[in-house]
């Protein structure tokens, strides 16, 4: 029995092993579309472009606005507002294209305006109530100022309907 106590004492003398904490903070780009404030992880964002010519294609779903040639790379452009089941984005001076890379699928999304990059604590993201659930949105977070930001479901965005 005394040997067991000695073994226990040896364990207490062992150095503590540091456990790596997993961060729940994600750096996100916030933007507006369809009257909503949306966000997407910056790990998917390649760049933001303005005043780029979009070539329309025949026989495409209405939410596919066409393609752009971005430095030799041809990218489809999706109107995220229309993809969420709303009307098409109104063309104003602030409309821009956010170029994304989602699991090696590159595409652009048309949004009303880009807001800012900010840190969002994923622990605070809640599911969208079913009756208000939108296509492409998979969570919401209440901000300190009372506003609500909606999370864009990147996987659903990259997969055609």
Protein backbone atom coordinates (compact mmCIF):
# COMPACT_ATOMS: atom_id res chain seq x y z
CA UNK A 1 0.00 0.00 0.00
CA UNK A 2 2.87 2.38 0.74
CA UNK A 3 4.20 1.72 -2.79
CA UNK A 4 0.93 2.98 -4.23
CA UNK A 5 1.25 6.20 -2.22
CA UNK A 6 4.79 6.68 -3.46
CA UNK A 7 3.64 6.24 -7.05
CA UNK A 8 0.97 8.85 -6.42
CA UNK A 9 3.58 11.22 -5.01
CA UNK A 10 5.66 10.73 -8.18
CA UNK A 11 2.66 11.78 -10.28
CA UNK A 12 2.34 15.00 -8.30
CA UNK A 13 5.99 15.81 -9.00
CA UNK A 14 5.53 15.43 -12.78
CA UNK A 15 5.44 18.69 -14.75
CA UNK A 16 2.01 19.84 -15.84
CA UNK A 17 1.13 19.25 -19.44
CA UNK A 18 -0.19 22.35 -21.12
CA UNK A 19 -3.49 21.83 -22.88
CA UNK A 20 -3.98 23.78 -26.06
CA UNK A 21 -7.13 25.90 -25.99
CA UNK A 22 -9.22 25.89 -29.13
CA UNK A 23 -10.20 29.42 -30.11
CA UNK A 24 -13.82 30.08 -30.94
CA UNK A 25 -13.05 33.52 -32.39
CA UNK A 26 -13.31 33.73 -36.17
CA UNK A 27 -12.19 36.71 -38.25
CA UNK A 28 -15.12 37.58 -40.51
CA UNK A 29 -15.99 39.99 -43.30
CA UNK A 30 -19.34 41.68 -42.72
CA UNK A 31 -21.48 42.98 -45.58
CA UNK A 32 -25.04 43.92 -46.43
CA UNK A 33 -27.49 42.29 -48.80
CA UNK A 34 -31.28 42.12 -48.93
CA UNK A 35 -31.53 44.42 -45.91
CA UNK A 36 -29.54 41.95 -43.80
CA UNK A 37 -26.12 42.20 -42.23
CA UNK A 38 -24.25 39.05 -43.20
CA UNK A 39 -20.82 37.67 -42.42
CA UNK A 40 -18.45 35.11 -43.85
CA UNK A 41 -15.13 33.84 -42.53
CA UNK A 42 -12.15 35.71 -43.99
CA UNK A 43 -10.50 32.35 -44.66
CA UNK A 44 -12.82 32.13 -47.71
CA UNK A 45 -12.38 35.73 -48.89
CA UNK A 46 -9.85 36.31 -51.66
CA UNK A 47 -10.59 39.93 -52.52
CA UNK A 48 -13.29 42.57 -53.01
CA UNK A 49 -13.73 44.16 -56.43
CA UNK A 50 -15.85 47.04 -57.76
CA UNK A 51 -16.92 48.13 -61.24
CA UNK A 52 -16.16 44.80 -62.88
CA UNK A 53 -17.92 43.83 -66.09
CA UNK A 54 -20.10 40.72 -65.78
CA UNK A 55 -20.73 38.66 -68.91
CA UNK A 56 -24.22 37.14 -68.84
CA UNK A 57 -24.75 33.55 -69.93
CA UNK A 58 -27.90 32.03 -71.44
CA UNK A 59 -29.89 29.28 -69.73
CA UNK A 60 -28.52 29.94 -66.23
CA UNK A 61 -30.57 30.12 -63.05
CA UNK A 62 -31.62 33.73 -62.33
CA UNK A 63 -29.27 34.03 -59.33
CA UNK A 64 -26.22 33.34 -61.56
CA UNK A 65 -25.54 36.79 -62.96
CA UNK A 66 -22.83 35.56 -65.29
CA UNK A 67 -19.07 35.25 -65.26
CA UNK A 68 -16.12 37.56 -64.82
CA UNK A 69 -12.59 37.27 -66.10
CA UNK A 70 -10.39 38.04 -63.11
CA UNK A 71 -6.76 38.10 -64.24
CA UNK A 72 -7.34 35.15 -66.57
CA UNK A 73 -9.48 33.14 -64.16
CA UNK A 74 -13.14 32.74 -65.14
CA UNK A 75 -15.43 32.96 -62.10
CA UNK A 76 -19.19 32.55 -61.83
CA UNK A 77 -20.94 35.46 -60.11
CA UNK A 78 -23.88 34.79 -57.80
CA UNK A 79 -26.41 37.38 -56.68
CA UNK A 80 -26.58 36.31 -53.04
CA UNK A 81 -29.79 38.26 -52.48
CA UNK A 82 -31.54 36.43 -55.29
CA UNK A 83 -30.04 33.11 -54.17
CA UNK A 84 -31.67 33.67 -50.76
CA UNK A 85 -35.02 33.82 -52.52
CA UNK A 86 -35.32 37.63 -52.57
CA UNK A 87 -35.45 39.85 -55.64
CA UNK A 88 -32.29 40.72 -57.57
CA UNK A 89 -29.79 43.18 -56.09
CA UNK A 90 -30.50 46.72 -57.22
CA UNK A 91 -27.57 48.19 -59.07
CA UNK A 92 -26.22 51.14 -57.06
CA UNK A 93 -22.79 52.69 -56.83
CA UNK A 94 -21.93 50.62 -53.74
CA UNK A 95 -22.63 47.18 -55.25
CA UNK A 96 -19.48 45.10 -55.23
CA UNK A 97 -18.30 41.55 -55.76
CA UNK A 98 -16.67 39.53 -53.00
CA UNK A 99 -14.41 36.87 -54.53
CA UNK A 100 -14.46 33.66 -52.48
CA UNK A 101 -12.63 30.35 -52.43
CA UNK A 102 -14.75 27.64 -50.81
CA UNK A 103 -13.13 24.20 -50.81
CA UNK A 104 -11.18 25.09 -53.98
CA UNK A 105 -14.32 26.41 -55.71
CA UNK A 106 -13.83 30.04 -56.70
CA UNK A 107 -16.82 32.31 -57.21
CA UNK A 108 -17.94 35.88 -56.75
CA UNK A 109 -20.97 37.08 -54.84
CA UNK A 110 -22.72 40.37 -55.52
CA UNK A 111 -23.54 42.27 -52.33
CA UNK A 112 -25.03 45.70 -51.63
CA UNK A 113 -22.05 46.93 -49.63
CA UNK A 114 -19.10 45.72 -47.59
CA UNK A 115 -18.98 46.85 -43.96
CA UNK A 116 -15.85 45.75 -42.09
CA UNK A 117 -13.70 42.86 -40.91
CA UNK A 118 -14.37 41.89 -37.31
CA UNK A 119 -13.89 39.07 -34.83
CA UNK A 120 -17.01 37.01 -34.09
CA UNK A 121 -17.10 34.58 -31.19
CA UNK A 122 -18.60 31.39 -32.62
CA UNK A 123 -19.84 30.44 -29.14
CA UNK A 124 -22.38 33.25 -29.49
CA UNK A 125 -23.79 32.07 -32.84
CA UNK A 126 -27.32 30.72 -32.51
CA UNK A 127 -29.48 28.78 -34.96
CA UNK A 128 -31.94 30.82 -37.00
CA UNK A 129 -35.53 30.22 -35.82
CA UNK A 130 -37.09 27.81 -38.31
CA UNK A 131 -39.93 30.10 -39.38
CA UNK A 132 -37.41 32.81 -40.30
CA UNK A 133 -34.77 30.54 -41.81
CA UNK A 134 -33.41 31.74 -45.14
CA UNK A 135 -31.66 29.78 -47.84
CA UNK A 136 -27.88 29.99 -47.38
CA UNK A 137 -27.97 31.24 -43.80
CA UNK A 138 -26.95 28.90 -41.00
CA UNK A 139 -26.68 31.01 -37.87
CA UNK A 140 -27.13 34.40 -36.28
CA UNK A 141 -25.37 36.40 -33.60
CA UNK A 142 -26.68 39.32 -31.56
CA UNK A 143 -24.15 42.13 -31.39
CA UNK A 144 -23.58 44.47 -28.44
CA UNK A 145 -25.28 47.35 -30.27
CA UNK A 146 -28.49 45.29 -30.70
CA UNK A 147 -27.96 44.45 -34.37
CA UNK A 148 -28.18 40.89 -35.65
CA UNK A 149 -25.58 39.43 -38.02
CA UNK A 150 -26.40 36.34 -40.11
CA UNK A 151 -23.84 33.69 -41.05
CA UNK A 152 -23.58 32.66 -44.71
CA UNK A 153 -23.42 28.88 -45.19
CA UNK A 154 -20.38 28.61 -47.46
CA UNK A 155 -20.97 24.96 -48.32
CA UNK A 156 -24.51 25.68 -49.56
CA UNK A 157 -23.25 28.71 -51.49
CA UNK A 158 -20.63 26.69 -53.39
CA UNK A 159 -23.07 23.94 -54.37
CA UNK A 160 -25.56 24.81 -57.15
CA UNK A 161 -29.24 24.26 -56.41
